Amino acid sequence: MASHALAKGNNNSLMIQGTSSGSPQKSFFMVQILIRTLATAFTVAAISIMLTSTQSISLFGYNLVIHYSDTSAMRYLFGTDIVACVCSVLSLICVFLLSRSGSDLKHYFFLFLHDMVVMVMLMSGCAAAIAIAYVSKYGEHKVGWMAGCDNVPKFCNRILISVVLSFLAFFCFLTLTIMSSKKLMSRPIE
């Protein structure tokens, strides 16, 4: 009887542990879904602002239209935002499906790998764009490059907003990378 009561006590503690481990698992997936939704929203907003950032100026009697595609760094950031947005939507679907089914250690590794690749890609796009944005805003007097944002302030402000939104998407993927790696580290190796 004592062994039956002990076994019954162990089963109850296992049941309590089982239900408590299900709750962190569910909250992990809820946070994953929330952050991936935020990353998608940030990249969609960055893409739409980048697409609509144009300004025309009159210079020496010529009418010039400045557009994001005039610089390779902004085209690169635009491309990385599109890829990050698509990857974010696809991973959002995968995480949603994983939350419905049982999860395997492999899935956490693939999430970690996916998030790290998108994070590094966004970081490179943001770094390239911020370098050009800095030179456009302040110039580089030692080389003789003049600041251009004085002539097109509306364009520069919209580009800055797009870059900030891309950085926010980067921080979302940085958070996801840390979460996935933490989840991988907390699982026992089989």
C-alpha atoms as a PDB file:
ATOM      1  CA  MET A   1       0.000   0.000   0.000  1.00  0.00           C
ATOM      2  CA  ALA A   2       2.751   2.377   0.884  1.00  0.00           C
ATOM      3  CA  SER A   3       4.444   1.696  -2.432  1.00  0.00           C
ATOM      4  CA  HIS A   4       1.097   2.242  -4.211  1.00  0.00           C
ATOM      5  CA  ALA A   5       0.615   5.544  -2.381  1.00  0.00           C
ATOM      6  CA  LEU A   6       4.201   6.512  -3.192  1.00  0.00           C
ATOM      7  CA  ALA A   7       3.695   5.599  -6.831  1.00  0.00           C
ATOM      8  CA  LYS A   8       0.428   7.513  -6.830  1.00  0.00           C
ATOM      9  CA  GLY A   9       2.213  10.492  -5.288  1.00  0.00           C
ATOM     10  CA  ASN A  10       4.911  10.279  -7.957  1.00  0.00           C
ATOM     11  CA  ASN A  11       2.274  10.131 -10.693  1.00  0.00           C
ATOM     12  CA  ASN A  12       0.594  13.240  -9.308  1.00  0.00           C
ATOM     13  CA  SER A  13       3.909  15.071  -9.208  1.00  0.00           C
ATOM     14  CA  LEU A  14       4.598  13.923 -12.750  1.00  0.00           C
ATOM     15  CA  MET A  15       1.189  15.153 -13.808  1.00  0.00           C
ATOM     16  CA  ILE A  16       1.847  18.505 -12.171  1.00  0.00           C
ATOM     17  CA  GLN A  17       5.245  18.699 -13.866  1.00  0.00           C
ATOM     18  CA  GLY A  18       3.685  17.669 -17.163  1.00  0.00           C
ATOM     19  CA  THR A  19       1.048  20.367 -17.045  1.00  0.00           C
ATOM     20  CA  SER A  20       3.493  23.007 -15.865  1.00  0.00           C
ATOM     21  CA  SER A  21       5.926  22.157 -18.687  1.00  0.00           C
ATOM     22  CA  GLY A  22       3.079  22.451 -21.204  1.00  0.00           C
ATOM     23  CA  SER A  23       2.357  25.997 -20.100  1.00  0.00           C
ATOM     24  CA  PRO A  24       5.896  27.310 -20.738  1.00  0.00           C
ATOM     25  CA  GLN A  25       5.827  25.483 -24.084  1.00  0.00           C
ATOM     26  CA  LYS A  26       2.590  27.235 -25.005  1.00  0.00           C
ATOM     27  CA  SER A  27       3.873  30.617 -23.841  1.00  0.00           C
ATOM     28  CA  PHE A  28       7.096  30.032 -25.819  1.00  0.00           C
ATOM     29  CA  PHE A  29       5.087  29.542 -28.996  1.00  0.00           C
ATOM     30  CA  MET A  30       2.819  32.505 -28.222  1.00  0.00           C
ATOM     31  CA  VAL A  31       5.833  34.796 -27.789  1.00  0.00           C
ATOM     32  CA  GLN A  32       7.360  33.370 -30.971  1.00  0.00           C
ATOM     33  CA  ILE A  33       4.165  34.102 -32.894  1.00  0.00           C
ATOM     34  CA  LEU A  34       3.932  37.608 -31.432  1.00  0.00           C
ATOM     35  CA  ILE A  35       7.542  38.538 -32.249  1.00  0.00           C
ATOM     36  CA  ARG A  36       7.339  37.064 -35.753  1.00  0.00           C
ATOM     37  CA  THR A  37       4.141  39.041 -36.356  1.00  0.00           C
ATOM     38  CA  LEU A  38       5.930  42.193 -35.191  1.00  0.00           C
ATOM     39  CA  ALA A  39       8.889  41.449 -37.478  1.00  0.00           C
ATOM     40  CA  THR A  40       6.496  40.992 -40.392  1.00  0.00           C
ATOM     41  CA  ALA A  41       4.733  44.272 -39.586  1.00  0.00           C
ATOM     42  CA  PHE A  42       8.039  46.154 -39.289  1.00  0.00           C
ATOM     43  CA  THR A  43       9.337  44.853 -42.613  1.00  0.00           C
ATOM     44  CA  VAL A  44       6.046  45.527 -44.417  1.00  0.00           C
ATOM     45  CA  ALA A  45       6.058  49.091 -43.068  1.00  0.00           C
ATOM     46  CA  ALA A  46       9.729  49.559 -44.018  1.00  0.00           C
ATOM     47  CA  ILE A  47       9.053  48.279 -47.536  1.00  0.00           C
ATOM     48  CA  SER A  48       6.036  50.518 -48.067  1.00  0.00           C
ATOM     49  CA  ILE A  49       7.815  53.611 -46.746  1.00  0.00           C
ATOM     50  CA  MET A  50      10.883  52.862 -48.867  1.00  0.00           C
ATOM     51  CA  LEU A  51       8.731  52.435 -51.986  1.00  0.00           C
ATOM     52  CA  THR A  52       6.965  55.747 -51.473  1.00  0.00           C
ATOM     53  CA  SER A  53      10.066  57.756 -50.608  1.00  0.00           C
ATOM     54  CA  THR A  54      10.541  60.116 -53.529  1.00  0.00           C
ATOM     55  CA  GLN A  55      11.129  63.811 -53.760  1.00  0.00           C
ATOM     56  CA  SER A  56      11.640  66.063 -56.745  1.00  0.00           C
ATOM     57  CA  ILE A  57      13.932  69.057 -56.665  1.00  0.00           C
ATOM     58  CA  SER A  58      14.847  71.730 -59.168  1.00  0.00           C
ATOM     59  CA  LEU A  59      18.589  72.112 -59.622  1.00  0.00           C
ATOM     60  CA  PHE A  60      19.981  74.606 -62.131  1.00  0.00           C
ATOM     61  CA  GLY A  61      16.729  74.545 -64.063  1.00  0.00           C
ATOM     62  CA  TYR A  62      16.568  70.742 -64.209  1.00  0.00           C
ATOM     63  CA  ASN A  63      13.842  68.831 -62.399  1.00  0.00           C
ATOM     64  CA  LEU A  64      15.358  65.831 -60.588  1.00  0.00           C
ATOM     65  CA  VAL A  65      13.385  63.074 -58.927  1.00  0.00           C
ATOM     66  CA  ILE A  66      15.186  61.322 -56.073  1.00  0.00           C
ATOM     67  CA  HIS A  67      14.077  57.744 -55.401  1.00  0.00           C
ATOM     68  CA  TYR A  68      15.328  54.953 -53.112  1.00  0.00           C
ATOM     69  CA  SER A  69      16.543  52.943 -56.110  1.00  0.00           C
ATOM     70  CA  ASP A  70      19.124  55.619 -56.938  1.00  0.00           C
ATOM     71  CA  THR A  71      21.553  54.093 -54.413  1.00  0.00           C
ATOM     72  CA  SER A  72      22.646  50.479 -54.303  1.00  0.00           C
ATOM     73  CA  ALA A  73      22.604  50.398 -50.484  1.00  0.00           C
ATOM     74  CA  MET A  74      18.928  51.353 -50.369  1.00  0.00           C
ATOM     75  CA  ARG A  75      18.098  48.771 -53.040  1.00  0.00           C
ATOM     76  CA  TYR A  76      19.967  46.200 -50.961  1.00  0.00           C
ATOM     77  CA  LEU A  77      18.042  47.136 -47.808  1.00  0.00           C
ATOM     78  CA  PHE A  78      14.800  46.993 -49.785  1.00  0.00           C
ATOM     79  CA  GLY A  79      15.705  43.486 -50.978  1.00  0.00           C
ATOM     80  CA  THR A  80      16.670  42.290 -47.512  1.00  0.00           C
ATOM     81  CA  ASP A  81      13.405  43.675 -46.124  1.00  0.00           C
ATOM     82  CA  ILE A  82      11.428  41.744 -48.754  1.00  0.00           C
ATOM     83  CA  VAL A  83      13.311  38.508 -48.055  1.00  0.00           C
ATOM     84  CA  ALA A  84      12.973  39.005 -44.285  1.00  0.00           C
ATOM     85  CA  CYS A  85       9.244  39.657 -44.663  1.00  0.00           C
ATOM     86  CA  VAL A  86       8.689  36.508 -46.728  1.00  0.00           C
ATOM     87  CA  CYS A  87      10.839  34.429 -44.369  1.00  0.00           C
ATOM     88  CA  SER A  88       9.019  35.870 -41.383  1.00  0.00           C
ATOM     89  CA  VAL A  89       5.616  34.942 -42.811  1.00  0.00           C
ATOM     90  CA  LEU A  90       6.801  31.429 -43.692  1.00  0.00           C
ATOM     91  CA  SER A  91       8.339  30.916 -40.256  1.00  0.00           C
ATOM     92  CA  LEU A  92       5.179  32.289 -38.648  1.00  0.00           C
ATOM     93  CA  ILE A  93       3.202  29.579 -40.420  1.00  0.00           C
ATOM     94  CA  CYS A  94       5.738  26.933 -39.375  1.00  0.00           C
ATOM     95  CA  VAL A  95       5.717  28.020 -35.728  1.00  0.00           C
ATOM     96  CA  PHE A  96       1.941  28.029 -35.730  1.00  0.00           C
ATOM     97  CA  LEU A  97       1.935  24.478 -37.108  1.00  0.00           C
ATOM     98  CA  LEU A  98       4.623  23.387 -34.646  1.00  0.00           C
ATOM     99  CA  SER A  99       2.576  24.701 -31.749  1.00  0.00           C
ATOM    100  CA  ARG A 100      -0.289  22.449 -32.852  1.00  0.00           C
ATOM    101  CA  SER A 101       1.834  19.323 -33.125  1.00  0.00           C
ATOM    102  CA  GLY A 102       4.537  17.907 -30.909  1.00  0.00           C
ATOM    103  CA  SER A 103       7.860  19.658 -31.207  1.00  0.00           C
ATOM    104  CA  ASP A 104      11.194  18.005 -31.800  1.00  0.00           C
ATOM    105  CA  LEU A 105      14.697  19.248 -31.012  1.00  0.00           C
ATOM    106  CA  LYS A 106      15.383  19.429 -34.763  1.00  0.00           C
ATOM    107  CA  HIS A 107      12.638  22.014 -35.189  1.00  0.00           C
ATOM    108  CA  TYR A 108      14.210  24.322 -32.609  1.00  0.00           C
ATOM    109  CA  PHE A 109      17.544  24.024 -34.381  1.00  0.00           C
ATOM    110  CA  PHE A 110      15.978  24.898 -37.728  1.00  0.00           C
ATOM    111  CA  LEU A 111      14.173  27.866 -36.151  1.00  0.00           C
ATOM    112  CA  PHE A 112      17.456  29.010 -34.620  1.00  0.00           C
ATOM    113  CA  LEU A 113      19.279  28.649 -37.931  1.00  0.00           C
ATOM    114  CA  HIS A 114      16.511  30.418 -39.866  1.00  0.00           C
ATOM    115  CA  ASP A 115      16.308  33.303 -37.409  1.00  0.00           C
ATOM    116  CA  MET A 116      20.070  33.722 -37.320  1.00  0.00           C
ATOM    117  CA  VAL A 117      20.368  33.870 -41.127  1.00  0.00           C
ATOM    118  CA  VAL A 118      17.545  36.431 -41.422  1.00  0.00           C
ATOM    119  CA  MET A 119      18.996  38.445 -38.529  1.00  0.00           C
ATOM    120  CA  VAL A 120      22.459  38.623 -40.134  1.00  0.00           C
ATOM    121  CA  MET A 121      20.939  39.504 -43.513  1.00  0.00           C
ATOM    122  CA  LEU A 122      18.902  42.338 -41.968  1.00  0.00           C
ATOM    123  CA  MET A 123      21.936  43.538 -40.053  1.00  0.00           C
ATOM    124  CA  SER A 124      23.982  43.778 -43.258  1.00  0.00           C
ATOM    125  CA  GLY A 125      21.190  45.631 -45.081  1.00  0.00           C
ATOM    126  CA  CYS A 126      20.742  48.080 -42.215  1.00  0.00           C
ATOM    127  CA  ALA A 127      24.490  48.656 -41.951  1.00  0.00           C
ATOM    128  CA  ALA A 128      24.813  49.397 -45.663  1.00  0.00           C
ATOM    129  CA  ALA A 129      21.826  51.750 -45.634  1.00  0.00           C
ATOM    130  CA  ILE A 130      22.868  53.588 -42.489  1.00  0.00           C
ATOM    131  CA  ALA A 131      26.348  54.211 -43.941  1.00  0.00           C
ATOM    132  CA  ILE A 132      24.859  55.884 -47.025  1.00  0.00           C
ATOM    133  CA  ALA A 133      22.277  57.704 -44.916  1.00  0.00           C
ATOM    134  CA  TYR A 134      25.034  59.084 -42.676  1.00  0.00           C
ATOM    135  CA  VAL A 135      27.040  60.355 -45.630  1.00  0.00           C
ATOM    136  CA  SER A 136      23.879  61.828 -47.158  1.00  0.00           C
ATOM    137  CA  LYS A 137      23.022  63.612 -43.915  1.00  0.00           C
ATOM    138  CA  TYR A 138      26.457  64.855 -42.824  1.00  0.00           C
ATOM    139  CA  GLY A 139      28.722  64.408 -45.840  1.00  0.00           C
ATOM    140  CA  GLU A 140      32.361  63.353 -45.676  1.00  0.00           C
ATOM    141  CA  HIS A 141      34.417  66.529 -45.811  1.00  0.00           C
ATOM    142  CA  LYS A 142      37.843  64.827 -45.859  1.00  0.00           C
ATOM    143  CA  VAL A 143      36.931  63.156 -49.141  1.00  0.00           C
ATOM    144  CA  GLY A 144      34.945  66.065 -50.507  1.00  0.00           C
ATOM    145  CA  TRP A 145      31.483  64.475 -50.351  1.00  0.00           C
ATOM    146  CA  MET A 146      28.840  67.018 -49.552  1.00  0.00           C
ATOM    147  CA  ALA A 147      25.684  66.411 -47.546  1.00  0.00           C
ATOM    148  CA  GLY A 148      22.607  66.035 -49.722  1.00  0.00           C
ATOM    149  CA  CYS A 149      19.806  65.858 -47.179  1.00  0.00           C
ATOM    150  CA  ASP A 150      19.655  69.636 -46.942  1.00  0.00           C
ATOM    151  CA  ASN A 151      18.187  69.646 -50.462  1.00  0.00           C
ATOM    152  CA  VAL A 152      15.801  66.683 -50.021  1.00  0.00           C
ATOM    153  CA  PRO A 153      14.772  66.575 -46.342  1.00  0.00           C
ATOM    154  CA  LYS A 154      11.449  64.775 -46.930  1.00  0.00           C
ATOM    155  CA  PHE A 155      13.199  61.962 -48.804  1.00  0.00           C
ATOM    156  CA  CYS A 156      15.911  61.607 -46.139  1.00  0.00           C
ATOM    157  CA  ASN A 157      13.388  61.527 -43.301  1.00  0.00           C
ATOM    158  CA  ARG A 158      11.359  58.786 -44.991  1.00  0.00           C
ATOM    159  CA  ILE A 159      14.502  56.750 -45.643  1.00  0.00           C
ATOM    160  CA  LEU A 160      15.503  57.179 -41.995  1.00  0.00           C
ATOM    161  CA  ILE A 161      12.094  55.924 -40.843  1.00  0.00           C
ATOM    162  CA  SER A 162      12.420  52.905 -43.140  1.00  0.00           C
ATOM    163  CA  VAL A 163      15.899  52.119 -41.789  1.00  0.00           C
ATOM    164  CA  VAL A 164      14.654  52.407 -38.186  1.00  0.00           C
ATOM    165  CA  LEU A 165      11.810  49.997 -38.952  1.00  0.00           C
ATOM    166  CA  SER A 166      14.308  47.588 -40.502  1.00  0.00           C
ATOM    167  CA  PHE A 167      16.432  47.838 -37.347  1.00  0.00           C
ATOM    168  CA  LEU A 168      13.346  47.011 -35.266  1.00  0.00           C
ATOM    169  CA  ALA A 169      12.806  43.912 -37.428  1.00  0.00           C
ATOM    170  CA  PHE A 170      16.475  43.050 -36.860  1.00  0.00           C
ATOM    171  CA  PHE A 171      15.967  43.267 -33.085  1.00  0.00           C
ATOM    172  CA  CYS A 172      12.915  41.014 -33.392  1.00  0.00           C
ATOM    173  CA  PHE A 173      15.013  38.373 -35.135  1.00  0.00           C
ATOM    174  CA  LEU A 174      17.813  38.851 -32.594  1.00  0.00           C
ATOM    175  CA  THR A 175      15.282  38.126 -29.839  1.00  0.00           C
ATOM    176  CA  LEU A 176      14.004  35.083 -31.720  1.00  0.00           C
ATOM    177  CA  THR A 177      17.559  33.799 -32.168  1.00  0.00           C
ATOM    178  CA  ILE A 178      18.241  34.147 -28.450  1.00  0.00           C
ATOM    179  CA  MET A 179      14.945  32.440 -27.576  1.00  0.00           C
ATOM    180  CA  SER A 180      15.588  29.507 -29.922  1.00  0.00           C
ATOM    181  CA  SER A 181      19.165  29.052 -28.704  1.00  0.00           C
ATOM    182  CA  LYS A 182      17.997  29.160 -25.085  1.00  0.00           C
ATOM    183  CA  LYS A 183      15.381  26.531 -25.888  1.00  0.00           C
ATOM    184  CA  LEU A 184      18.068  24.376 -27.539  1.00  0.00           C
ATOM    185  CA  MET A 185      20.385  24.736 -24.550  1.00  0.00           C
ATOM    186  CA  SER A 186      17.694  23.799 -22.043  1.00  0.00           C
ATOM    187  CA  ARG A 187      16.852  20.518 -23.816  1.00  0.00           C
ATOM    188  CA  PRO A 188      18.840  17.404 -22.845  1.00  0.00           C
ATOM    189  CA  ILE A 189      21.037  15.906 -25.537  1.00  0.00           C
ATOM    190  CA  GLU A 190      19.773  12.525 -26.615  1.00  0.00           C
END
